[in-house]
């Protein structure tokens, strides 16, 4: 839920301000593309986070990581690091 929460905040902020936010490594760039990248990387996380599913949140994170490009992986890593979560202990890179 933490990733989804941060994604929604960043997407809303970029849609309102019409510029990239919370991405120190992104200079210039298209905020539409950044919104798409964040939405795509989080697309399948909610299914894994629902109670009653066979998959665990860690499996959902692993799936998101496996299907992410480098920019999306950087977003996942940075977002979790901001909350004190070490991604190295959770997924296989």
N, C-alpha and C. Protein backbone atom coordinates (compact mmCIF):
# COMPACT_ATOMS: atom_id res chain seq x y z
N UNK A 1 0.82 -1.20 0.00
CA UNK A 1 0.00 0.00 0.00
C UNK A 1 0.87 1.26 0.00
N UNK A 2 2.04 1.17 0.58
CA UNK A 2 2.94 2.31 0.65
C UNK A 2 3.30 2.81 -0.75
N UNK A 3 3.62 1.89 -1.66
CA UNK A 3 3.97 2.28 -3.02
C UNK A 3 2.79 2.91 -3.74
N UNK A 4 1.62 2.34 -3.57
CA UNK A 4 0.42 2.87 -4.22
C UNK A 4 0.12 4.27 -3.69
N UNK A 5 0.24 4.45 -2.38
CA UNK A 5 0.00 5.76 -1.76
C UNK A 5 0.94 6.81 -2.33
N UNK A 6 2.23 6.50 -2.35
CA UNK A 6 3.21 7.45 -2.88
C UNK A 6 2.98 7.71 -4.36
N UNK A 7 2.64 6.67 -5.10
CA UNK A 7 2.39 6.83 -6.54
C UNK A 7 1.23 7.79 -6.77
N UNK A 8 0.15 7.61 -6.04
CA UNK A 8 -1.01 8.49 -6.22
C UNK A 8 -0.68 9.94 -5.88
N UNK A 9 0.07 10.15 -4.82
CA UNK A 9 0.46 11.51 -4.45
C UNK A 9 1.31 12.14 -5.54
N UNK A 10 2.30 11.39 -6.04
CA UNK A 10 3.18 11.94 -7.07
C UNK A 10 2.42 12.18 -8.38
N UNK A 11 1.56 11.25 -8.76
CA UNK A 11 0.78 11.41 -9.99
C UNK A 11 -0.12 12.63 -9.89
N UNK A 12 -0.81 12.77 -8.77
CA UNK A 12 -1.69 13.94 -8.59
C UNK A 12 -0.90 15.24 -8.61
N UNK A 13 0.26 15.25 -7.96
CA UNK A 13 1.09 16.46 -7.93
C UNK A 13 1.57 16.84 -9.33
N UNK A 14 1.98 15.84 -10.11
CA UNK A 14 2.44 16.13 -11.47
C UNK A 14 1.29 16.57 -12.37
N UNK A 15 0.13 15.96 -12.21
CA UNK A 15 -1.03 16.35 -13.02
C UNK A 15 -1.43 17.79 -12.71
N UNK A 16 -1.33 18.18 -11.44
CA UNK A 16 -1.71 19.55 -11.04
C UNK A 16 -0.65 20.57 -11.48
N UNK A 17 0.61 20.27 -11.17
CA UNK A 17 1.67 21.26 -11.44
C UNK A 17 2.19 21.21 -12.88
N UNK A 18 1.88 20.14 -13.57
CA UNK A 18 2.32 19.95 -14.95
C UNK A 18 3.83 19.97 -15.09
N UNK A 19 4.48 19.36 -14.10
CA UNK A 19 5.92 19.17 -14.16
C UNK A 19 6.28 17.96 -13.31
N UNK A 20 7.48 17.46 -13.52
CA UNK A 20 7.95 16.29 -12.79
C UNK A 20 8.24 16.68 -11.34
N UNK A 21 7.80 15.85 -10.41
CA UNK A 21 8.07 16.05 -8.98
C UNK A 21 8.67 14.78 -8.40
N UNK A 22 9.35 14.91 -7.28
CA UNK A 22 9.90 13.79 -6.52
C UNK A 22 10.81 12.90 -7.34
N UNK A 23 11.53 13.47 -8.27
CA UNK A 23 12.47 12.70 -9.09
C UNK A 23 13.75 13.48 -9.26
N UNK A 24 14.63 13.42 -8.25
CA UNK A 24 15.85 14.22 -8.30
C UNK A 24 16.73 13.88 -9.50
N UNK A 25 16.62 12.67 -10.04
CA UNK A 25 17.46 12.26 -11.17
C UNK A 25 16.86 12.66 -12.52
N UNK A 26 15.62 13.14 -12.54
CA UNK A 26 14.97 13.50 -13.79
C UNK A 26 15.12 15.00 -14.03
N UNK A 27 15.81 15.34 -15.09
CA UNK A 27 15.95 16.75 -15.44
C UNK A 27 15.13 17.00 -16.69
N UNK A 28 14.34 18.06 -16.64
CA UNK A 28 13.44 18.32 -17.77
C UNK A 28 12.42 17.20 -17.84
N UNK A 29 12.35 16.57 -18.97
CA UNK A 29 11.51 15.39 -19.10
C UNK A 29 10.03 15.71 -19.23
N UNK A 30 9.32 14.72 -19.64
CA UNK A 30 7.89 14.83 -19.87
C UNK A 30 7.15 14.28 -18.65
N UNK A 31 6.40 15.13 -17.98
CA UNK A 31 5.68 14.66 -16.79
C UNK A 31 4.61 13.64 -17.15
N UNK A 32 4.07 13.70 -18.36
CA UNK A 32 3.11 12.67 -18.80
C UNK A 32 3.76 11.29 -18.81
N UNK A 33 4.97 11.24 -19.32
CA UNK A 33 5.70 9.98 -19.38
C UNK A 33 6.02 9.48 -17.97
N UNK A 34 6.39 10.37 -17.09
CA UNK A 34 6.69 9.98 -15.70
C UNK A 34 5.43 9.42 -15.03
N UNK A 35 4.29 10.05 -15.25
CA UNK A 35 3.02 9.56 -14.70
C UNK A 35 2.75 8.15 -15.24
N UNK A 36 2.95 7.96 -16.54
CA UNK A 36 2.72 6.64 -17.14
C UNK A 36 3.64 5.58 -16.56
N UNK A 37 4.92 5.93 -16.39
CA UNK A 37 5.87 4.97 -15.84
C UNK A 37 5.50 4.55 -14.42
N UNK A 38 5.12 5.51 -13.59
CA UNK A 38 4.73 5.19 -12.21
C UNK A 38 3.46 4.35 -12.20
N UNK A 39 2.48 4.73 -13.00
CA UNK A 39 1.22 3.97 -13.05
C UNK A 39 1.47 2.55 -13.54
N UNK A 40 2.31 2.39 -14.55
CA UNK A 40 2.60 1.06 -15.08
C UNK A 40 3.29 0.17 -14.06
N UNK A 41 4.24 0.71 -13.33
CA UNK A 41 4.97 -0.13 -12.38
C UNK A 41 4.09 -0.55 -11.21
N UNK A 42 3.08 0.24 -10.90
CA UNK A 42 2.19 -0.07 -9.78
C UNK A 42 0.93 -0.82 -10.21
N UNK A 43 0.75 -1.01 -11.49
CA UNK A 43 -0.51 -1.56 -12.02
C UNK A 43 -0.94 -2.86 -11.36
N UNK A 44 -0.03 -3.78 -11.15
CA UNK A 44 -0.41 -5.09 -10.61
C UNK A 44 -0.23 -5.23 -9.11
N UNK A 45 0.31 -4.21 -8.45
CA UNK A 45 0.52 -4.33 -7.01
C UNK A 45 -0.76 -4.50 -6.20
N UNK A 46 -1.84 -3.79 -6.48
CA UNK A 46 -3.03 -3.94 -5.62
C UNK A 46 -3.55 -5.36 -5.53
N UNK A 47 -3.52 -6.12 -6.62
CA UNK A 47 -3.97 -7.51 -6.58
C UNK A 47 -3.17 -8.35 -5.62
N UNK A 48 -1.89 -8.09 -5.54
CA UNK A 48 -1.03 -8.84 -4.63
C UNK A 48 -1.21 -8.40 -3.19
N UNK A 49 -1.69 -7.20 -2.99
CA UNK A 49 -1.81 -6.67 -1.64
C UNK A 49 -3.17 -6.97 -1.01
N UNK A 50 -4.13 -7.46 -1.80
CA UNK A 50 -5.44 -7.80 -1.25
C UNK A 50 -5.34 -9.03 -0.37
N UNK A 51 -6.08 -9.04 0.71
CA UNK A 51 -6.12 -10.23 1.55
C UNK A 51 -6.87 -11.34 0.82
N UNK A 52 -6.50 -12.55 1.10
CA UNK A 52 -7.18 -13.68 0.49
C UNK A 52 -6.56 -14.13 -0.83
N UNK A 53 -5.51 -13.46 -1.32
CA UNK A 53 -4.86 -13.91 -2.53
C UNK A 53 -3.72 -14.84 -2.16
N UNK A 54 -3.41 -15.75 -3.08
CA UNK A 54 -2.36 -16.73 -2.81
C UNK A 54 -0.97 -16.08 -2.80
N UNK A 55 -0.81 -15.03 -3.58
CA UNK A 55 0.50 -14.37 -3.67
C UNK A 55 0.70 -13.43 -2.49
N UNK A 56 1.95 -13.29 -2.08
CA UNK A 56 2.30 -12.39 -0.98
C UNK A 56 2.68 -11.02 -1.52
N UNK A 57 2.69 -10.00 -0.65
CA UNK A 57 3.15 -8.68 -1.10
C UNK A 57 4.58 -8.72 -1.66
N UNK A 58 5.43 -9.57 -1.09
CA UNK A 58 6.81 -9.67 -1.59
C UNK A 58 6.80 -10.25 -3.01
N UNK A 59 5.92 -11.22 -3.26
CA UNK A 59 5.82 -11.76 -4.62
C UNK A 59 5.31 -10.69 -5.58
N UNK A 60 4.39 -9.87 -5.12
CA UNK A 60 3.90 -8.77 -5.95
C UNK A 60 4.99 -7.78 -6.26
N UNK A 61 5.80 -7.46 -5.26
CA UNK A 61 6.92 -6.54 -5.46
C UNK A 61 7.92 -7.16 -6.43
N UNK A 62 8.20 -8.44 -6.27
CA UNK A 62 9.13 -9.13 -7.18
C UNK A 62 8.61 -9.09 -8.61
N UNK A 63 7.32 -9.32 -8.78
CA UNK A 63 6.71 -9.28 -10.10
C UNK A 63 6.81 -7.87 -10.71
N UNK A 64 6.51 -6.87 -9.90
CA UNK A 64 6.62 -5.49 -10.38
C UNK A 64 8.06 -5.18 -10.77
N UNK A 65 9.02 -5.63 -9.97
CA UNK A 65 10.44 -5.40 -10.24
C UNK A 65 10.85 -6.09 -11.54
N UNK A 66 10.43 -7.35 -11.71
CA UNK A 66 10.81 -8.12 -12.89
C UNK A 66 10.27 -7.50 -14.18
N UNK A 67 9.13 -6.84 -14.10
CA UNK A 67 8.50 -6.27 -15.28
C UNK A 67 8.82 -4.78 -15.47
N UNK A 68 9.62 -4.21 -14.59
CA UNK A 68 9.93 -2.77 -14.63
C UNK A 68 11.17 -2.50 -15.46
N UNK A 69 11.19 -1.32 -16.08
CA UNK A 69 12.42 -0.89 -16.75
C UNK A 69 13.30 -0.19 -15.71
N UNK A 70 14.43 0.31 -16.13
CA UNK A 70 15.38 0.91 -15.18
C UNK A 70 14.81 2.13 -14.46
N UNK A 71 14.06 2.97 -15.16
CA UNK A 71 13.46 4.16 -14.53
C UNK A 71 12.44 3.73 -13.48
N UNK A 72 11.63 2.74 -13.81
CA UNK A 72 10.63 2.25 -12.86
C UNK A 72 11.31 1.59 -11.66
N UNK A 73 12.38 0.85 -11.90
CA UNK A 73 13.11 0.23 -10.78
C UNK A 73 13.71 1.30 -9.87
N UNK A 74 14.22 2.36 -10.47
CA UNK A 74 14.77 3.45 -9.66
C UNK A 74 13.66 4.06 -8.81
N UNK A 75 12.46 4.24 -9.38
CA UNK A 75 11.34 4.79 -8.62
C UNK A 75 10.98 3.86 -7.46
N UNK A 76 10.89 2.56 -7.73
CA UNK A 76 10.59 1.59 -6.66
C UNK A 76 11.64 1.67 -5.55
N UNK A 77 12.90 1.61 -5.94
CA UNK A 77 14.01 1.64 -4.98
C UNK A 77 14.00 2.92 -4.15
N UNK A 78 13.86 4.07 -4.82
CA UNK A 78 13.89 5.36 -4.12
C UNK A 78 12.70 5.53 -3.19
N UNK A 79 11.52 5.12 -3.64
CA UNK A 79 10.32 5.26 -2.82
C UNK A 79 10.42 4.40 -1.57
N UNK A 80 10.85 3.16 -1.71
CA UNK A 80 10.98 2.29 -0.54
C UNK A 80 12.10 2.77 0.38
N UNK A 81 13.20 3.24 -0.18
CA UNK A 81 14.31 3.75 0.63
C UNK A 81 13.88 4.96 1.46
N UNK A 82 13.04 5.83 0.89
CA UNK A 82 12.54 7.00 1.62
C UNK A 82 11.76 6.58 2.86
N UNK A 83 11.22 5.37 2.85
CA UNK A 83 10.45 4.88 3.99
C UNK A 83 11.24 3.89 4.83
N UNK A 84 12.56 3.85 4.60
CA UNK A 84 13.44 3.01 5.42
C UNK A 84 13.37 1.53 5.10
N UNK A 85 12.93 1.18 3.89
CA UNK A 85 12.81 -0.22 3.51
C UNK A 85 13.94 -0.56 2.54
N UNK A 86 14.73 -1.57 2.90
CA UNK A 86 15.83 -2.02 2.05
C UNK A 86 15.31 -3.04 1.06
N UNK A 87 15.29 -2.66 -0.20
CA UNK A 87 14.74 -3.53 -1.24
C UNK A 87 15.60 -4.78 -1.45
N UNK A 88 16.89 -4.69 -1.15
CA UNK A 88 17.78 -5.83 -1.37
C UNK A 88 17.36 -7.05 -0.58
N UNK A 89 16.78 -6.84 0.56
CA UNK A 89 16.35 -7.98 1.39
C UNK A 89 15.00 -8.53 0.99
N UNK A 90 14.32 -7.88 0.06
CA UNK A 90 12.99 -8.31 -0.31
C UNK A 90 12.90 -9.01 -1.65
N UNK A 91 13.74 -8.61 -2.61
CA UNK A 91 13.61 -9.15 -3.96
C UNK A 91 14.94 -9.67 -4.48
N UNK A 92 14.85 -10.46 -5.53
CA UNK A 92 16.02 -10.94 -6.23
C UNK A 92 16.25 -10.02 -7.42
N UNK A 93 17.41 -9.36 -7.45
CA UNK A 93 17.69 -8.42 -8.54
C UNK A 93 18.47 -9.06 -9.63
